Amino acid sequence: MESLHDDDVELLTGKNFAHLAVVRPDGTPHVTVTWIDAADGAVLVNTAVGRVKDRYVRLDPRVSVTVHDEEDPYRWLRVDGAVEEFVTGQEAEEHIDALNQRYHDGERWTYKDGQERVIYRIRPDRILRRYDG
């Protein structure tokens, strides 16, 4: 297991978009653009239960996340690891609201009836980074 550096956390908690790659049952990658976050040494992704990526990651928890600085795309980070915990309930609902406020300049999240949110806590097993332009 590798540890996130301060620069990694800054990138993950900024207003930057990430790509989450999960493994399909046939072994091919499925990649989606997502909001990203970090806490307590883990990379965090918030999504809705039942989405395609959610179904795949529950079958195979291995993931890869890439994120680049929206101001300097040559500043980037890749984290390979595994989803070690699925967090639902009030914590996931509050997290998506916080992410929406970050990415939409303070605007609150509009909750969707019948949608259950989940946070993936991703354990970093391998980290690649470039911060030197």
C-alpha atoms as a PDB file:
ATOM      1  CA  MET A   1       0.000   0.000   0.000  1.00  0.00           C
ATOM      2  CA  GLU A   2       1.253   3.490  -0.853  1.00  0.00           C
ATOM      3  CA  SER A   3       0.443   6.729   0.896  1.00  0.00           C
ATOM      4  CA  LEU A   4      -0.987   9.866  -0.642  1.00  0.00           C
ATOM      5  CA  HIS A   5       1.294  12.904  -0.463  1.00  0.00           C
ATOM      6  CA  ASP A   6       0.033  16.393   0.365  1.00  0.00           C
ATOM      7  CA  ASP A   7       0.222  17.358  -3.342  1.00  0.00           C
ATOM      8  CA  ASP A   8      -1.911  14.297  -4.175  1.00  0.00           C
ATOM      9  CA  VAL A   9      -4.566  15.276  -1.646  1.00  0.00           C
ATOM     10  CA  GLU A  10      -4.556  18.852  -2.963  1.00  0.00           C
ATOM     11  CA  LEU A  11      -5.211  17.564  -6.483  1.00  0.00           C
ATOM     12  CA  LEU A  12      -7.900  15.115  -5.342  1.00  0.00           C
ATOM     13  CA  THR A  13      -9.740  17.675  -3.232  1.00  0.00           C
ATOM     14  CA  GLY A  14      -9.570  20.486  -5.782  1.00  0.00           C
ATOM     15  CA  LYS A  15     -12.107  21.291  -8.456  1.00  0.00           C
ATOM     16  CA  ASN A  16     -10.605  18.670 -10.783  1.00  0.00           C
ATOM     17  CA  PHE A  17     -12.322  15.875 -12.671  1.00  0.00           C
ATOM     18  CA  ALA A  18     -11.122  12.292 -12.573  1.00  0.00           C
ATOM     19  CA  HIS A  19     -11.487   9.139 -14.642  1.00  0.00           C
ATOM     20  CA  LEU A  20     -12.467   5.985 -12.782  1.00  0.00           C
ATOM     21  CA  ALA A  21     -11.623   2.696 -14.487  1.00  0.00           C
ATOM     22  CA  VAL A  22     -13.297  -0.475 -13.261  1.00  0.00           C
ATOM     23  CA  VAL A  23     -13.147  -4.015 -14.613  1.00  0.00           C
ATOM     24  CA  ARG A  24     -16.025  -5.488 -16.611  1.00  0.00           C
ATOM     25  CA  PRO A  25     -16.840  -9.179 -16.107  1.00  0.00           C
ATOM     26  CA  ASP A  26     -15.084  -9.962 -19.425  1.00  0.00           C
ATOM     27  CA  GLY A  27     -11.895  -8.299 -18.146  1.00  0.00           C
ATOM     28  CA  THR A  28     -12.094  -5.157 -20.283  1.00  0.00           C
ATOM     29  CA  PRO A  29     -11.993  -1.686 -18.712  1.00  0.00           C
ATOM     30  CA  HIS A  30     -15.034   0.515 -18.163  1.00  0.00           C
ATOM     31  CA  VAL A  31     -14.051   4.176 -17.663  1.00  0.00           C
ATOM     32  CA  THR A  32     -16.195   7.086 -16.498  1.00  0.00           C
ATOM     33  CA  VAL A  33     -15.548  10.746 -15.697  1.00  0.00           C
ATOM     34  CA  THR A  34     -16.353  11.554 -12.090  1.00  0.00           C
ATOM     35  CA  TRP A  35     -15.942  14.009  -9.261  1.00  0.00           C
ATOM     36  CA  ILE A  36     -13.163  13.014  -6.891  1.00  0.00           C
ATOM     37  CA  ASP A  37     -12.166  13.471  -3.254  1.00  0.00           C
ATOM     38  CA  ALA A  38      -9.787  12.155  -0.597  1.00  0.00           C
ATOM     39  CA  ALA A  39      -9.897  11.599   3.148  1.00  0.00           C
ATOM     40  CA  ASP A  40      -7.879   9.663   5.713  1.00  0.00           C
ATOM     41  CA  GLY A  41      -5.431   8.314   3.121  1.00  0.00           C
ATOM     42  CA  ALA A  42      -8.143   6.996   0.798  1.00  0.00           C
ATOM     43  CA  VAL A  43      -9.385   8.205  -2.575  1.00  0.00           C
ATOM     44  CA  LEU A  44     -13.160   8.786  -2.543  1.00  0.00           C
ATOM     45  CA  VAL A  45     -15.649   8.428  -5.393  1.00  0.00           C
ATOM     46  CA  ASN A  46     -19.367   9.061  -4.886  1.00  0.00           C
ATOM     47  CA  THR A  47     -21.897   7.461  -7.230  1.00  0.00           C
ATOM     48  CA  ALA A  48     -25.385   5.987  -7.214  1.00  0.00           C
ATOM     49  CA  VAL A  49     -26.004   2.385  -6.225  1.00  0.00           C
ATOM     50  CA  GLY A  50     -26.921   0.272  -9.248  1.00  0.00           C
ATOM     51  CA  ARG A  51     -25.113   2.251 -11.934  1.00  0.00           C
ATOM     52  CA  VAL A  52     -23.006   0.244 -14.367  1.00  0.00           C
ATOM     53  CA  LYS A  53     -19.723   1.107 -12.625  1.00  0.00           C
ATOM     54  CA  ASP A  54     -21.270   0.231  -9.284  1.00  0.00           C
ATOM     55  CA  ARG A  55     -22.371  -3.187 -10.496  1.00  0.00           C
ATOM     56  CA  TYR A  56     -18.895  -3.884 -11.921  1.00  0.00           C
ATOM     57  CA  VAL A  57     -16.913  -2.691  -8.894  1.00  0.00           C
ATOM     58  CA  ARG A  58     -18.984  -4.900  -6.595  1.00  0.00           C
ATOM     59  CA  LEU A  59     -17.941  -7.894  -8.715  1.00  0.00           C
ATOM     60  CA  ASP A  60     -14.272  -6.861  -8.870  1.00  0.00           C
ATOM     61  CA  PRO A  61     -13.057  -4.116  -6.504  1.00  0.00           C
ATOM     62  CA  ARG A  62      -9.868  -3.336  -8.478  1.00  0.00           C
ATOM     63  CA  VAL A  63      -9.901   0.220  -9.858  1.00  0.00           C
ATOM     64  CA  SER A  64      -7.659   2.855 -11.329  1.00  0.00           C
ATOM     65  CA  VAL A  65      -8.242   6.584 -10.899  1.00  0.00           C
ATOM     66  CA  THR A  66      -6.549   9.342 -12.870  1.00  0.00           C
ATOM     67  CA  VAL A  67      -6.943  13.044 -12.177  1.00  0.00           C
ATOM     68  CA  HIS A  68      -5.255  16.067 -13.679  1.00  0.00           C
ATOM     69  CA  ASP A  69      -5.120  19.669 -12.583  1.00  0.00           C
ATOM     70  CA  GLU A  70      -7.730  21.646 -14.538  1.00  0.00           C
ATOM     71  CA  GLU A  71      -5.316  24.633 -14.502  1.00  0.00           C
ATOM     72  CA  ASP A  72      -2.265  22.585 -15.592  1.00  0.00           C
ATOM     73  CA  PRO A  73      -3.143  19.278 -17.303  1.00  0.00           C
ATOM     74  CA  TYR A  74       0.511  18.198 -17.172  1.00  0.00           C
ATOM     75  CA  ARG A  75       0.128  17.965 -13.386  1.00  0.00           C
ATOM     76  CA  TRP A  76      -1.529  14.601 -12.833  1.00  0.00           C
ATOM     77  CA  LEU A  77      -1.937  11.624 -10.563  1.00  0.00           C
ATOM     78  CA  ARG A  78      -2.854   7.969 -11.084  1.00  0.00           C
ATOM     79  CA  VAL A  79      -3.926   5.740  -8.224  1.00  0.00           C
ATOM     80  CA  ASP A  80      -4.334   1.997  -8.713  1.00  0.00           C
ATOM     81  CA  GLY A  81      -6.000   0.164  -5.879  1.00  0.00           C
ATOM     82  CA  ALA A  82      -9.133  -1.494  -4.648  1.00  0.00           C
ATOM     83  CA  VAL A  83     -12.414  -0.358  -3.167  1.00  0.00           C
ATOM     84  CA  GLU A  84     -12.020  -1.375   0.462  1.00  0.00           C
ATOM     85  CA  GLU A  85     -15.320  -0.010   1.744  1.00  0.00           C
ATOM     86  CA  PHE A  86     -18.751   0.982   0.406  1.00  0.00           C
ATOM     87  CA  VAL A  87     -20.275   3.790   2.485  1.00  0.00           C
ATOM     88  CA  THR A  88     -24.002   4.495   2.099  1.00  0.00           C
ATOM     89  CA  GLY A  89     -26.648   6.351   4.075  1.00  0.00           C
ATOM     90  CA  GLN A  90     -26.427   9.846   5.492  1.00  0.00           C
ATOM     91  CA  GLU A  91     -22.642  10.059   5.090  1.00  0.00           C
ATOM     92  CA  ALA A  92     -22.886   9.384   1.341  1.00  0.00           C
ATOM     93  CA  GLU A  93     -25.746  11.881   0.979  1.00  0.00           C
ATOM     94  CA  GLU A  94     -23.800  14.612   2.789  1.00  0.00           C
ATOM     95  CA  HIS A  95     -20.704  13.820   0.725  1.00  0.00           C
ATOM     96  CA  ILE A  96     -22.458  14.239  -2.638  1.00  0.00           C
ATOM     97  CA  ASP A  97     -23.854  17.570  -1.422  1.00  0.00           C
ATOM     98  CA  ALA A  98     -20.342  18.722  -0.440  1.00  0.00           C
ATOM     99  CA  LEU A  99     -18.972  17.626  -3.823  1.00  0.00           C
ATOM    100  CA  ASN A 100     -21.758  19.428  -5.672  1.00  0.00           C
ATOM    101  CA  GLN A 101     -20.993  22.598  -3.734  1.00  0.00           C
ATOM    102  CA  ARG A 102     -17.301  22.282  -4.652  1.00  0.00           C
ATOM    103  CA  TYR A 103     -17.883  21.669  -8.346  1.00  0.00           C
ATOM    104  CA  HIS A 104     -20.831  24.077  -8.708  1.00  0.00           C
ATOM    105  CA  ASP A 105     -19.648  27.090  -6.696  1.00  0.00           C
ATOM    106  CA  GLY A 106     -21.688  26.499  -3.548  1.00  0.00           C
ATOM    107  CA  GLU A 107     -24.856  25.146  -5.164  1.00  0.00           C
ATOM    108  CA  ARG A 108     -26.600  22.488  -3.067  1.00  0.00           C
ATOM    109  CA  TRP A 109     -27.185  18.968  -4.408  1.00  0.00           C
ATOM    110  CA  THR A 110     -30.655  18.245  -5.775  1.00  0.00           C
ATOM    111  CA  TYR A 111     -31.628  14.892  -4.332  1.00  0.00           C
ATOM    112  CA  LYS A 112     -33.178  12.330  -6.662  1.00  0.00           C
ATOM    113  CA  ASP A 113     -36.121  10.310  -5.344  1.00  0.00           C
ATOM    114  CA  GLY A 114     -35.271   6.641  -5.062  1.00  0.00           C
ATOM    115  CA  GLN A 115     -31.531   7.172  -5.628  1.00  0.00           C
ATOM    116  CA  GLU A 116     -29.157   5.738  -3.039  1.00  0.00           C
ATOM    117  CA  ARG A 117     -25.669   7.245  -2.964  1.00  0.00           C
ATOM    118  CA  VAL A 118     -22.508   5.299  -2.188  1.00  0.00           C
ATOM    119  CA  ILE A 119     -18.930   6.386  -1.486  1.00  0.00           C
ATOM    120  CA  TYR A 120     -16.132   4.117  -2.657  1.00  0.00           C
ATOM    121  CA  ARG A 121     -13.166   4.263  -0.271  1.00  0.00           C
ATOM    122  CA  ILE A 122     -10.247   3.309  -2.491  1.00  0.00           C
ATOM    123  CA  ARG A 123      -7.032   2.014  -0.934  1.00  0.00           C
ATOM    124  CA  PRO A 124      -4.003   3.251  -2.930  1.00  0.00           C
ATOM    125  CA  ASP A 125      -1.802   0.268  -3.810  1.00  0.00           C
ATOM    126  CA  ARG A 126       0.251   1.998  -6.524  1.00  0.00           C
ATOM    127  CA  ILE A 127       0.613   5.725  -7.195  1.00  0.00           C
ATOM    128  CA  LEU A 128       2.125   7.467 -10.212  1.00  0.00           C
ATOM    129  CA  ARG A 129       2.352  11.251 -10.304  1.00  0.00           C
ATOM    130  CA  ARG A 130       3.758  14.150 -12.259  1.00  0.00           C
ATOM    131  CA  TYR A 131       3.975  17.590 -10.722  1.00  0.00           C
ATOM    132  CA  ASP A 132       6.967  19.107 -12.482  1.00  0.00           C
ATOM    133  CA  GLY A 133       5.282  20.228 -15.735  1.00  0.00           C
END
